[in-house]
Amino acid sequence: QVQLVESGGGSVQAGGSLRLSCAASGYTTSSACMGWFRQAPGKGREGVASIHTDGEHTFYADSVKGRFTISQDNDKNTVYLEMNNLKPEDTAMYYCAADAGGGYCRALLTLQYLVKYWGQGTQVTVSS
């Protein structure tokens, strides 16, 4: 059974930084994608960043390019989202996600039906 457990959320002021972690268990697909999504109050869920399990291909939403970095530690089965220069509009519940092994990491950000597994979410609040 696949489980994704997020941690690292919190409250920061604008311009601050946070690092989210997603610990995966039971997920051993060799060619697959993991990613981060977020949902702000009253808005739909949007893709933020994704990474192929080969660690060489990463993709970002335009709104976070240059500020967020997704990475992974295969030894720890953990995916990270380093968030710098945070803005109030980054306030949202952040969810870790994994696909079923298709490996379409760019598409994962916009085609949420490709997500097979979701974490429970971690809240990020950025104050101005």
C-alpha atoms as a PDB file:
ATOM      1  CA  GLN A   1       0.000   0.000   0.000  1.00  0.00           C
ATOM      2  CA  VAL A   2       1.409   3.358  -1.069  1.00  0.00           C
ATOM      3  CA  GLN A   3       1.490   6.137   1.492  1.00  0.00           C
ATOM      4  CA  LEU A   4       2.670   9.708   1.014  1.00  0.00           C
ATOM      5  CA  VAL A   5       3.236  11.747   4.166  1.00  0.00           C
ATOM      6  CA  GLU A   6       3.977  15.452   3.935  1.00  0.00           C
ATOM      7  CA  SER A   7       5.681  17.614   6.524  1.00  0.00           C
ATOM      8  CA  GLY A   8       7.358  20.976   6.797  1.00  0.00           C
ATOM      9  CA  GLY A   9       4.471  23.369   6.364  1.00  0.00           C
ATOM     10  CA  GLY A  10       4.046  26.406   8.561  1.00  0.00           C
ATOM     11  CA  SER A  11       3.629  30.154   8.710  1.00  0.00           C
ATOM     12  CA  VAL A  12       6.225  32.585   7.405  1.00  0.00           C
ATOM     13  CA  GLN A  13       6.404  36.194   6.380  1.00  0.00           C
ATOM     14  CA  ALA A  14       6.677  37.233   2.769  1.00  0.00           C
ATOM     15  CA  GLY A  15      10.190  36.740   1.482  1.00  0.00           C
ATOM     16  CA  GLY A  16      10.792  33.804   3.795  1.00  0.00           C
ATOM     17  CA  SER A  17      11.518  30.178   3.019  1.00  0.00           C
ATOM     18  CA  LEU A  18      10.155  26.753   3.834  1.00  0.00           C
ATOM     19  CA  ARG A  19      11.075  23.219   2.846  1.00  0.00           C
ATOM     20  CA  LEU A  20       8.367  20.631   2.447  1.00  0.00           C
ATOM     21  CA  SER A  21       9.088  16.925   2.624  1.00  0.00           C
ATOM     22  CA  CYS A  22       7.108  13.991   1.278  1.00  0.00           C
ATOM     23  CA  ALA A  23       8.046  10.577   2.601  1.00  0.00           C
ATOM     24  CA  ALA A  24       6.853   7.773   0.340  1.00  0.00           C
ATOM     25  CA  SER A  25       6.365   4.199   1.398  1.00  0.00           C
ATOM     26  CA  GLY A  26       5.361   1.269  -0.760  1.00  0.00           C
ATOM     27  CA  TYR A  27       6.106   3.224  -3.946  1.00  0.00           C
ATOM     28  CA  THR A  28       8.791   1.411  -5.911  1.00  0.00           C
ATOM     29  CA  THR A  29       8.002   2.186  -9.529  1.00  0.00           C
ATOM     30  CA  SER A  30      11.235   2.771 -11.430  1.00  0.00           C
ATOM     31  CA  SER A  31       9.882   5.159 -14.044  1.00  0.00           C
ATOM     32  CA  ALA A  32       7.399   7.447 -12.486  1.00  0.00           C
ATOM     33  CA  CYS A  33       6.684  10.970 -11.368  1.00  0.00           C
ATOM     34  CA  MET A  34       6.138  12.604  -8.050  1.00  0.00           C
ATOM     35  CA  GLY A  35       4.988  16.127  -7.585  1.00  0.00           C
ATOM     36  CA  TRP A  36       3.543  18.861  -5.458  1.00  0.00           C
ATOM     37  CA  PHE A  37       0.145  20.455  -5.863  1.00  0.00           C
ATOM     38  CA  ARG A  38      -1.524  23.203  -3.898  1.00  0.00           C
ATOM     39  CA  GLN A  39      -5.024  24.425  -3.223  1.00  0.00           C
ATOM     40  CA  ALA A  40      -5.817  27.870  -1.885  1.00  0.00           C
ATOM     41  CA  PRO A  41      -9.160  28.609  -0.210  1.00  0.00           C
ATOM     42  CA  GLY A  42     -11.889  28.968  -2.804  1.00  0.00           C
ATOM     43  CA  LYS A  43      -9.640  27.875  -5.670  1.00  0.00           C
ATOM     44  CA  GLY A  44      -8.984  24.694  -7.549  1.00  0.00           C
ATOM     45  CA  ARG A  45      -5.971  22.498  -6.984  1.00  0.00           C
ATOM     46  CA  GLU A  46      -3.012  23.370  -9.181  1.00  0.00           C
ATOM     47  CA  GLY A  47       0.239  21.652 -10.029  1.00  0.00           C
ATOM     48  CA  VAL A  48       3.346  23.304  -8.622  1.00  0.00           C
ATOM     49  CA  ALA A  49       6.315  21.088  -9.451  1.00  0.00           C
ATOM     50  CA  SER A  50       7.078  17.547 -10.528  1.00  0.00           C
ATOM     51  CA  ILE A  51      10.126  15.322 -10.770  1.00  0.00           C
ATOM     52  CA  HIS A  52      10.862  12.095 -12.587  1.00  0.00           C
ATOM     53  CA  THR A  53      12.207   9.298 -10.424  1.00  0.00           C
ATOM     54  CA  ASP A  54      15.416   9.419 -12.492  1.00  0.00           C
ATOM     55  CA  GLY A  55      16.031  12.750 -10.776  1.00  0.00           C
ATOM     56  CA  GLU A  56      17.057  14.405 -14.039  1.00  0.00           C
ATOM     57  CA  HIS A  57      13.776  15.900 -15.178  1.00  0.00           C
ATOM     58  CA  THR A  58      11.924  18.538 -13.232  1.00  0.00           C
ATOM     59  CA  PHE A  59       9.018  20.751 -14.179  1.00  0.00           C
ATOM     60  CA  TYR A  60       7.496  23.837 -12.600  1.00  0.00           C
ATOM     61  CA  ALA A  61       4.433  25.995 -12.823  1.00  0.00           C
ATOM     62  CA  ASP A  62       5.269  29.444 -14.192  1.00  0.00           C
ATOM     63  CA  SER A  63       4.145  31.038 -10.930  1.00  0.00           C
ATOM     64  CA  VAL A  64       6.929  29.357  -8.940  1.00  0.00           C
ATOM     65  CA  LYS A  65       9.806  29.132 -11.438  1.00  0.00           C
ATOM     66  CA  GLY A  66      12.984  30.559 -10.007  1.00  0.00           C
ATOM     67  CA  ARG A  67      11.629  30.430  -6.449  1.00  0.00           C
ATOM     68  CA  PHE A  68      10.780  26.765  -5.826  1.00  0.00           C
ATOM     69  CA  THR A  69      13.018  23.734  -6.282  1.00  0.00           C
ATOM     70  CA  ILE A  70      11.880  20.129  -6.281  1.00  0.00           C
ATOM     71  CA  SER A  71      14.364  17.397  -5.469  1.00  0.00           C
ATOM     72  CA  GLN A  72      14.447  13.827  -4.256  1.00  0.00           C
ATOM     73  CA  ASP A  73      16.505  11.537  -2.085  1.00  0.00           C
ATOM     74  CA  ASN A  74      15.995   8.006  -3.373  1.00  0.00           C
ATOM     75  CA  ASP A  75      17.778   6.475  -0.389  1.00  0.00           C
ATOM     76  CA  LYS A  76      15.174   8.034   1.889  1.00  0.00           C
ATOM     77  CA  ASN A  77      12.267   7.678  -0.558  1.00  0.00           C
ATOM     78  CA  THR A  78      11.599  11.356   0.018  1.00  0.00           C
ATOM     79  CA  VAL A  79      10.737  14.237  -2.283  1.00  0.00           C
ATOM     80  CA  TYR A  80      11.364  17.817  -1.199  1.00  0.00           C
ATOM     81  CA  LEU A  81      10.025  21.198  -2.219  1.00  0.00           C
ATOM     82  CA  GLU A  82      12.327  24.055  -1.320  1.00  0.00           C
ATOM     83  CA  MET A  83      10.330  27.288  -1.389  1.00  0.00           C
ATOM     84  CA  ASN A  84      12.147  30.616  -1.349  1.00  0.00           C
ATOM     85  CA  ASN A  85      10.987  34.212  -1.613  1.00  0.00           C
ATOM     86  CA  LEU A  86       7.523  33.166  -0.559  1.00  0.00           C
ATOM     87  CA  LYS A  87       4.598  35.428  -1.404  1.00  0.00           C
ATOM     88  CA  PRO A  88       1.152  35.743   0.199  1.00  0.00           C
ATOM     89  CA  GLU A  89      -0.328  34.188  -2.930  1.00  0.00           C
ATOM     90  CA  ASP A  90       1.630  31.007  -2.171  1.00  0.00           C
ATOM     91  CA  THR A  91      -0.653  30.454   0.819  1.00  0.00           C
ATOM     92  CA  ALA A  92      -2.366  27.108   0.306  1.00  0.00           C
ATOM     93  CA  MET A  93      -2.615  23.512   1.378  1.00  0.00           C
ATOM     94  CA  TYR A  94       0.229  21.677  -0.319  1.00  0.00           C
ATOM     95  CA  TYR A  95      -0.205  18.063  -1.396  1.00  0.00           C
ATOM     96  CA  CYS A  96       2.337  15.485  -2.426  1.00  0.00           C
ATOM     97  CA  ALA A  97       1.313  13.283  -5.329  1.00  0.00           C
ATOM     98  CA  ALA A  98       2.573  10.317  -7.305  1.00  0.00           C
ATOM     99  CA  ASP A  99       1.494   8.840 -10.590  1.00  0.00           C
ATOM    100  CA  ALA A 100       0.847   5.226 -11.491  1.00  0.00           C
ATOM    101  CA  GLY A 101       4.156   4.809 -13.272  1.00  0.00           C
ATOM    102  CA  GLY A 102       3.509   6.542 -16.570  1.00  0.00           C
ATOM    103  CA  GLY A 103       6.406   8.951 -16.192  1.00  0.00           C
ATOM    104  CA  TYR A 104       4.659  11.901 -17.858  1.00  0.00           C
ATOM    105  CA  CYS A 105       5.938  14.444 -15.382  1.00  0.00           C
ATOM    106  CA  ARG A 106       5.253  17.609 -17.350  1.00  0.00           C
ATOM    107  CA  ALA A 107       1.689  16.525 -18.021  1.00  0.00           C
ATOM    108  CA  LEU A 108       1.216  15.556 -14.384  1.00  0.00           C
ATOM    109  CA  LEU A 109       1.063  19.243 -13.421  1.00  0.00           C
ATOM    110  CA  THR A 110      -1.979  19.939 -15.564  1.00  0.00           C
ATOM    111  CA  LEU A 111      -3.651  16.547 -15.965  1.00  0.00           C
ATOM    112  CA  GLN A 112      -4.516  15.608 -12.424  1.00  0.00           C
ATOM    113  CA  TYR A 113      -6.174  12.372 -13.518  1.00  0.00           C
ATOM    114  CA  LEU A 114      -2.611  11.068 -13.924  1.00  0.00           C
ATOM    115  CA  VAL A 115      -2.207  11.235 -10.150  1.00  0.00           C
ATOM    116  CA  LYS A 116      -2.849   7.904  -8.496  1.00  0.00           C
ATOM    117  CA  TYR A 117      -1.710   8.657  -4.962  1.00  0.00           C
ATOM    118  CA  TRP A 118      -2.199  11.746  -2.799  1.00  0.00           C
ATOM    119  CA  GLY A 119      -0.821  12.764   0.558  1.00  0.00           C
ATOM    120  CA  GLN A 120      -2.958  14.325   3.259  1.00  0.00           C
ATOM    121  CA  GLY A 121      -1.553  17.820   2.770  1.00  0.00           C
ATOM    122  CA  THR A 122       0.443  20.339   4.768  1.00  0.00           C
ATOM    123  CA  GLN A 123      -0.571  23.971   5.236  1.00  0.00           C
ATOM    124  CA  VAL A 124       1.635  26.854   4.123  1.00  0.00           C
ATOM    125  CA  THR A 125       0.656  30.362   5.181  1.00  0.00           C
ATOM    126  CA  VAL A 126       2.560  33.427   4.015  1.00  0.00           C
ATOM    127  CA  SER A 127       1.771  36.756   5.621  1.00  0.00           C
ATOM    128  CA  SER A 128       2.529  40.142   4.108  1.00  0.00           C
END
